[in-house]
């Protein structure tokens, strides 16, 4: 039985942070590399949606674990969640994406682990 129920649901940024800080659920950022480098959630794993659509497998740290997808505004992460659900992954996505994450005051770091911004 899937951890998150049937089909991909949506979480607020705060709910996503709560679910992904226990190291059992992976936050998967599906934005493109320049966006990721500018700013992402600490501890997130990166795999651009374009690579997922091309058939790329989940990164090793996300395989066999529940996943929460995130992008800039929520559109690409929703698309990624639907694709991953069709592959049998227990998945949710973040409503409003990293823009909502930052607006909620949640941490954002750049590629060097310093204060980042949402591109």
N, C-alpha and C. Protein backbone atom coordinates (compact mmCIF):
# COMPACT_ATOMS: atom_id res chain seq x y z
N UNK A 1 0.85 -1.18 0.00
CA UNK A 1 0.00 0.00 0.00
C UNK A 1 0.89 1.25 0.00
N UNK A 2 0.66 2.18 -0.90
CA UNK A 2 1.49 3.37 -0.97
C UNK A 2 1.41 4.18 0.32
N UNK A 3 2.52 4.75 0.72
CA UNK A 3 2.58 5.56 1.92
C UNK A 3 1.66 6.77 1.83
N UNK A 4 1.55 7.39 0.67
CA UNK A 4 0.79 8.62 0.53
C UNK A 4 -0.61 8.42 -0.05
N UNK A 5 -1.07 7.20 -0.20
CA UNK A 5 -2.40 6.98 -0.74
C UNK A 5 -2.37 6.85 -2.26
N UNK A 6 -3.52 7.03 -2.88
CA UNK A 6 -3.63 6.85 -4.33
C UNK A 6 -3.32 8.13 -5.06
N UNK A 7 -2.42 8.03 -6.03
CA UNK A 7 -2.07 9.17 -6.87
C UNK A 7 -1.31 10.24 -6.10
N UNK A 8 -0.66 11.13 -6.85
CA UNK A 8 0.12 12.17 -6.19
C UNK A 8 -0.75 13.26 -5.60
N UNK A 9 -0.56 13.53 -4.34
CA UNK A 9 -1.24 14.63 -3.67
C UNK A 9 -0.31 15.82 -3.59
N UNK A 10 -0.77 16.85 -2.88
CA UNK A 10 0.02 18.08 -2.78
C UNK A 10 0.20 18.44 -1.31
N UNK A 11 1.34 19.04 -1.02
CA UNK A 11 1.67 19.49 0.33
C UNK A 11 1.97 20.98 0.31
N UNK A 12 1.77 21.63 1.44
CA UNK A 12 2.27 22.99 1.60
C UNK A 12 3.79 22.89 1.80
N UNK A 13 4.50 23.98 1.62
CA UNK A 13 5.94 23.93 1.88
C UNK A 13 6.26 23.47 3.31
N UNK A 14 5.49 23.94 4.29
CA UNK A 14 5.74 23.56 5.67
C UNK A 14 5.54 22.05 5.86
N UNK A 15 4.49 21.49 5.27
CA UNK A 15 4.26 20.05 5.37
C UNK A 15 5.38 19.28 4.68
N UNK A 16 5.84 19.78 3.54
CA UNK A 16 6.94 19.12 2.82
C UNK A 16 8.20 19.12 3.66
N UNK A 17 8.50 20.23 4.29
CA UNK A 17 9.70 20.29 5.15
C UNK A 17 9.58 19.29 6.30
N UNK A 18 8.42 19.23 6.93
CA UNK A 18 8.22 18.29 8.03
C UNK A 18 8.43 16.85 7.56
N UNK A 19 7.90 16.51 6.41
CA UNK A 19 8.01 15.13 5.90
C UNK A 19 9.41 14.76 5.46
N UNK A 20 10.19 15.75 5.03
CA UNK A 20 11.50 15.43 4.46
C UNK A 20 12.66 15.66 5.42
N UNK A 21 12.42 16.14 6.61
CA UNK A 21 13.53 16.35 7.54
C UNK A 21 13.84 15.11 8.37
N UNK A 22 13.05 14.06 8.24
CA UNK A 22 13.31 12.84 9.04
C UNK A 22 14.18 11.83 8.30
N UNK A 23 14.65 12.17 7.10
CA UNK A 23 15.51 11.31 6.29
C UNK A 23 14.86 10.01 5.81
N UNK A 24 13.54 9.91 5.88
CA UNK A 24 12.88 8.75 5.27
C UNK A 24 12.25 9.13 3.94
N UNK A 25 11.85 10.38 3.80
CA UNK A 25 11.26 10.89 2.57
C UNK A 25 12.24 11.86 1.92
N UNK A 26 12.38 11.77 0.60
CA UNK A 26 13.35 12.58 -0.14
C UNK A 26 12.65 13.75 -0.81
N UNK A 27 13.22 14.95 -0.66
CA UNK A 27 12.75 16.13 -1.39
C UNK A 27 13.52 16.16 -2.70
N UNK A 28 12.82 16.00 -3.81
CA UNK A 28 13.42 15.95 -5.14
C UNK A 28 13.12 17.23 -5.89
N UNK A 29 14.15 18.02 -6.14
CA UNK A 29 14.03 19.29 -6.87
C UNK A 29 14.18 18.99 -8.35
N UNK A 30 13.14 19.30 -9.14
CA UNK A 30 13.13 18.96 -10.56
C UNK A 30 13.39 20.16 -11.47
N UNK A 31 13.90 21.25 -10.89
CA UNK A 31 14.23 22.42 -11.71
C UNK A 31 15.53 22.19 -12.47
N UNK A 32 15.80 23.04 -13.42
CA UNK A 32 17.03 22.94 -14.20
C UNK A 32 18.24 23.37 -13.36
N UNK A 33 19.42 22.99 -13.80
CA UNK A 33 20.64 23.18 -13.02
C UNK A 33 20.90 24.63 -12.61
N UNK A 34 20.75 25.63 -13.49
CA UNK A 34 20.99 27.01 -13.04
C UNK A 34 20.05 27.43 -11.89
N UNK A 35 18.79 26.97 -11.95
CA UNK A 35 17.84 27.28 -10.88
C UNK A 35 18.28 26.63 -9.58
N UNK A 36 18.68 25.36 -9.66
CA UNK A 36 19.15 24.60 -8.49
C UNK A 36 20.36 25.28 -7.86
N UNK A 37 21.32 25.68 -8.69
CA UNK A 37 22.54 26.31 -8.18
C UNK A 37 22.25 27.62 -7.47
N UNK A 38 21.26 28.38 -7.96
CA UNK A 38 20.92 29.66 -7.35
C UNK A 38 20.33 29.49 -5.96
N UNK A 39 19.52 28.46 -5.78
CA UNK A 39 18.93 28.25 -4.47
C UNK A 39 18.00 27.07 -4.43
N UNK A 40 18.17 26.24 -3.41
CA UNK A 40 17.33 25.06 -3.22
C UNK A 40 17.19 24.78 -1.72
N UNK A 41 16.30 23.88 -1.39
CA UNK A 41 16.11 23.51 0.01
C UNK A 41 17.29 22.68 0.49
N UNK A 42 17.80 22.95 1.69
CA UNK A 42 18.89 22.14 2.21
C UNK A 42 18.48 20.66 2.26
N UNK A 43 19.37 19.80 1.85
CA UNK A 43 19.10 18.36 1.88
C UNK A 43 18.34 17.82 0.69
N UNK A 44 17.90 18.71 -0.20
CA UNK A 44 17.16 18.25 -1.39
C UNK A 44 18.10 17.52 -2.34
N UNK A 45 17.52 16.67 -3.16
CA UNK A 45 18.23 15.93 -4.20
C UNK A 45 17.80 16.54 -5.53
N UNK A 46 18.72 16.63 -6.48
CA UNK A 46 18.43 17.30 -7.75
C UNK A 46 18.33 16.31 -8.91
N UNK A 47 17.26 16.40 -9.67
CA UNK A 47 17.11 15.70 -10.94
C UNK A 47 16.13 16.50 -11.79
N UNK A 48 16.62 17.18 -12.82
CA UNK A 48 15.73 18.01 -13.64
C UNK A 48 14.60 17.21 -14.29
N UNK A 49 13.45 17.83 -14.39
CA UNK A 49 12.30 17.20 -15.03
C UNK A 49 12.64 16.75 -16.44
N UNK A 50 13.44 17.52 -17.17
CA UNK A 50 13.79 17.14 -18.54
C UNK A 50 14.46 15.77 -18.56
N UNK A 51 15.28 15.47 -17.57
CA UNK A 51 15.94 14.16 -17.50
C UNK A 51 14.95 13.07 -17.11
N UNK A 52 14.04 13.39 -16.20
CA UNK A 52 13.00 12.41 -15.83
C UNK A 52 12.16 12.05 -17.04
N UNK A 53 11.76 13.07 -17.80
CA UNK A 53 10.94 12.84 -18.99
C UNK A 53 11.69 12.02 -20.04
N UNK A 54 13.02 12.12 -20.03
CA UNK A 54 13.84 11.36 -20.97
C UNK A 54 14.10 9.93 -20.48
N UNK A 55 13.53 9.59 -19.32
CA UNK A 55 13.65 8.22 -18.82
C UNK A 55 14.67 8.00 -17.73
N UNK A 56 15.29 9.06 -17.23
CA UNK A 56 16.29 8.90 -16.18
C UNK A 56 15.68 8.27 -14.93
N UNK A 57 16.47 7.45 -14.28
CA UNK A 57 16.06 6.84 -13.02
C UNK A 57 16.24 7.85 -11.89
N UNK A 58 15.55 7.61 -10.80
CA UNK A 58 15.73 8.44 -9.62
C UNK A 58 17.17 8.32 -9.13
N UNK A 59 17.71 9.39 -8.53
CA UNK A 59 19.03 9.28 -7.92
C UNK A 59 19.02 8.17 -6.86
N UNK A 60 20.18 7.59 -6.60
CA UNK A 60 20.29 6.46 -5.67
C UNK A 60 19.66 6.77 -4.32
N UNK A 61 19.87 7.98 -3.79
CA UNK A 61 19.35 8.30 -2.47
C UNK A 61 17.82 8.42 -2.43
N UNK A 62 17.17 8.42 -3.59
CA UNK A 62 15.71 8.50 -3.65
C UNK A 62 15.05 7.17 -4.01
N UNK A 63 15.83 6.22 -4.47
CA UNK A 63 15.26 4.95 -4.91
C UNK A 63 14.71 4.15 -3.72
N UNK A 64 13.50 3.66 -3.89
CA UNK A 64 12.86 2.85 -2.86
C UNK A 64 12.36 3.64 -1.67
N UNK A 65 12.33 4.95 -1.79
CA UNK A 65 11.87 5.81 -0.69
C UNK A 65 10.73 6.70 -1.18
N UNK A 66 9.87 7.15 -0.26
CA UNK A 66 8.86 8.14 -0.66
C UNK A 66 9.55 9.42 -1.12
N UNK A 67 8.91 10.12 -2.06
CA UNK A 67 9.49 11.31 -2.67
C UNK A 67 8.49 12.46 -2.62
N UNK A 68 8.99 13.66 -2.37
CA UNK A 68 8.22 14.90 -2.50
C UNK A 68 8.93 15.72 -3.56
N UNK A 69 8.24 16.05 -4.65
CA UNK A 69 8.84 16.83 -5.74
C UNK A 69 8.59 18.32 -5.53
N UNK A 70 9.55 19.12 -6.01
CA UNK A 70 9.43 20.57 -5.91
C UNK A 70 10.07 21.20 -7.14
N UNK A 71 9.52 22.32 -7.59
CA UNK A 71 10.09 23.12 -8.67
C UNK A 71 10.00 24.58 -8.25
N UNK A 72 9.92 25.51 -9.18
CA UNK A 72 9.82 26.93 -8.82
C UNK A 72 8.42 27.30 -8.37
N UNK A 73 7.40 26.88 -9.15
CA UNK A 73 6.04 27.32 -8.84
C UNK A 73 5.04 26.19 -8.61
N UNK A 74 5.41 24.98 -8.93
CA UNK A 74 4.51 23.84 -8.71
C UNK A 74 4.07 23.12 -9.96
N UNK A 75 4.27 23.71 -11.13
CA UNK A 75 3.81 23.08 -12.38
C UNK A 75 4.69 21.87 -12.75
N UNK A 76 5.99 22.08 -12.82
CA UNK A 76 6.89 20.98 -13.19
C UNK A 76 6.91 19.88 -12.14
N UNK A 77 6.82 20.26 -10.87
CA UNK A 77 6.84 19.23 -9.82
C UNK A 77 5.58 18.38 -9.88
N UNK A 78 4.47 18.98 -10.26
CA UNK A 78 3.22 18.22 -10.42
C UNK A 78 3.38 17.22 -11.57
N UNK A 79 3.97 17.67 -12.65
CA UNK A 79 4.22 16.80 -13.80
C UNK A 79 5.16 15.66 -13.40
N UNK A 80 6.21 15.98 -12.66
CA UNK A 80 7.16 14.96 -12.19
C UNK A 80 6.46 13.97 -11.26
N UNK A 81 5.61 14.47 -10.37
CA UNK A 81 4.90 13.59 -9.43
C UNK A 81 4.00 12.61 -10.19
N UNK A 82 3.32 13.09 -11.20
CA UNK A 82 2.45 12.20 -11.98
C UNK A 82 3.28 11.14 -12.71
N UNK A 83 4.41 11.54 -13.27
CA UNK A 83 5.29 10.59 -13.96
C UNK A 83 5.82 9.55 -12.97
N UNK A 84 6.30 10.01 -11.82
CA UNK A 84 6.85 9.08 -10.83
C UNK A 84 5.77 8.16 -10.27
N UNK A 85 4.57 8.67 -10.07
CA UNK A 85 3.47 7.83 -9.60
C UNK A 85 3.19 6.72 -10.62
N UNK A 86 3.28 7.05 -11.91
CA UNK A 86 3.03 6.04 -12.94
C UNK A 86 4.13 4.97 -12.94
N UNK A 87 5.28 5.30 -12.36
CA UNK A 87 6.39 4.34 -12.22
C UNK A 87 6.32 3.58 -10.89
N UNK A 88 5.27 3.85 -10.11
CA UNK A 88 5.09 3.13 -8.85
C UNK A 88 5.74 3.78 -7.64
N UNK A 89 6.19 5.03 -7.77
CA UNK A 89 6.83 5.73 -6.66
C UNK A 89 5.74 6.34 -5.78
N UNK A 90 5.92 6.26 -4.45
CA UNK A 90 5.06 6.98 -3.51
C UNK A 90 5.50 8.43 -3.56
N UNK A 91 4.65 9.31 -4.05
CA UNK A 91 5.08 10.68 -4.34
C UNK A 91 3.99 11.70 -4.07
N UNK A 92 4.42 12.86 -3.62
CA UNK A 92 3.61 14.07 -3.45
C UNK A 92 4.39 15.21 -4.08
N UNK A 93 3.74 16.36 -4.25
CA UNK A 93 4.51 17.53 -4.69
C UNK A 93 4.16 18.74 -3.85
N UNK A 94 5.02 19.75 -3.94
CA UNK A 94 4.88 20.96 -3.12
C UNK A 94 4.06 22.00 -3.86
N UNK A 95 2.93 22.35 -3.28
CA UNK A 95 2.05 23.38 -3.85
C UNK A 95 2.77 24.73 -3.77
N UNK A 96 2.93 25.40 -4.91
CA UNK A 96 3.57 26.71 -4.95
C UNK A 96 5.08 26.66 -5.09
N UNK A 97 5.65 25.47 -5.03
CA UNK A 97 7.07 25.26 -5.28
C UNK A 97 8.01 26.02 -4.36
N UNK A 98 9.22 26.22 -4.85
CA UNK A 98 10.25 26.91 -4.08
C UNK A 98 9.91 28.37 -3.84
N UNK A 99 9.10 28.96 -4.71
CA UNK A 99 8.67 30.34 -4.47
C UNK A 99 7.87 30.40 -3.18
N UNK A 100 6.93 29.48 -3.00
CA UNK A 100 6.13 29.42 -1.78
C UNK A 100 7.00 29.01 -0.59
N UNK A 101 7.96 28.13 -0.82
CA UNK A 101 8.89 27.68 0.22
C UNK A 101 9.62 28.90 0.81
N UNK A 102 10.20 29.71 -0.08
CA UNK A 102 10.93 30.90 0.38
C UNK A 102 10.01 31.90 1.05
N UNK A 103 8.82 32.11 0.50
CA UNK A 103 7.85 33.05 1.09
C UNK A 103 7.43 32.60 2.48
N UNK A 104 7.45 31.29 2.73
CA UNK A 104 7.09 30.76 4.05
C UNK A 104 8.24 30.91 5.04
N UNK A 105 9.38 31.45 4.59
CA UNK A 105 10.52 31.64 5.47
C UNK A 105 11.36 30.40 5.70
N UNK A 106 11.16 29.39 4.86
CA UNK A 106 11.94 28.16 4.99
C UNK A 106 13.32 28.37 4.35
N UNK A 107 14.32 27.63 4.80
CA UNK A 107 15.69 27.89 4.33
C UNK A 107 15.91 27.56 2.86
N UNK A 108 16.76 28.37 2.23
CA UNK A 108 17.17 28.20 0.84
C UNK A 108 18.68 28.40 0.81
N UNK A 109 19.40 27.47 0.20
CA UNK A 109 20.85 27.57 0.09
C UNK A 109 21.27 27.50 -1.37
N UNK A 110 22.42 28.09 -1.67
CA UNK A 110 22.94 28.02 -3.02
C UNK A 110 23.83 26.78 -3.16
N UNK A 111 24.51 26.65 -4.28
CA UNK A 111 25.33 25.47 -4.53
C UNK A 111 26.49 25.32 -3.55
N UNK A 112 26.85 26.40 -2.87
CA UNK A 112 27.94 26.35 -1.90
C UNK A 112 27.43 26.21 -0.46
N UNK A 113 26.10 26.10 -0.31
CA UNK A 113 25.53 25.94 1.02
C UNK A 113 25.28 27.25 1.75
N UNK A 114 25.44 28.37 1.05
CA UNK A 114 25.17 29.68 1.64
C UNK A 114 23.78 30.13 1.26
N UNK A 115 23.34 31.25 1.79
CA UNK A 115 22.02 31.79 1.48
C UNK A 115 21.78 31.86 -0.02
N UNK A 116 20.72 31.23 -0.47
CA UNK A 116 20.42 31.20 -1.90
C UNK A 116 19.20 32.03 -2.23
N UNK A 117 18.87 32.04 -3.50
CA UNK A 117 17.68 32.76 -3.98
C UNK A 117 16.96 31.87 -4.97
N UNK A 118 15.69 32.17 -5.18
CA UNK A 118 14.89 31.39 -6.12
C UNK A 118 14.94 32.05 -7.48
N UNK A 119 15.47 31.32 -8.46
CA UNK A 119 15.62 31.86 -9.82
C UNK A 119 14.43 31.45 -10.66
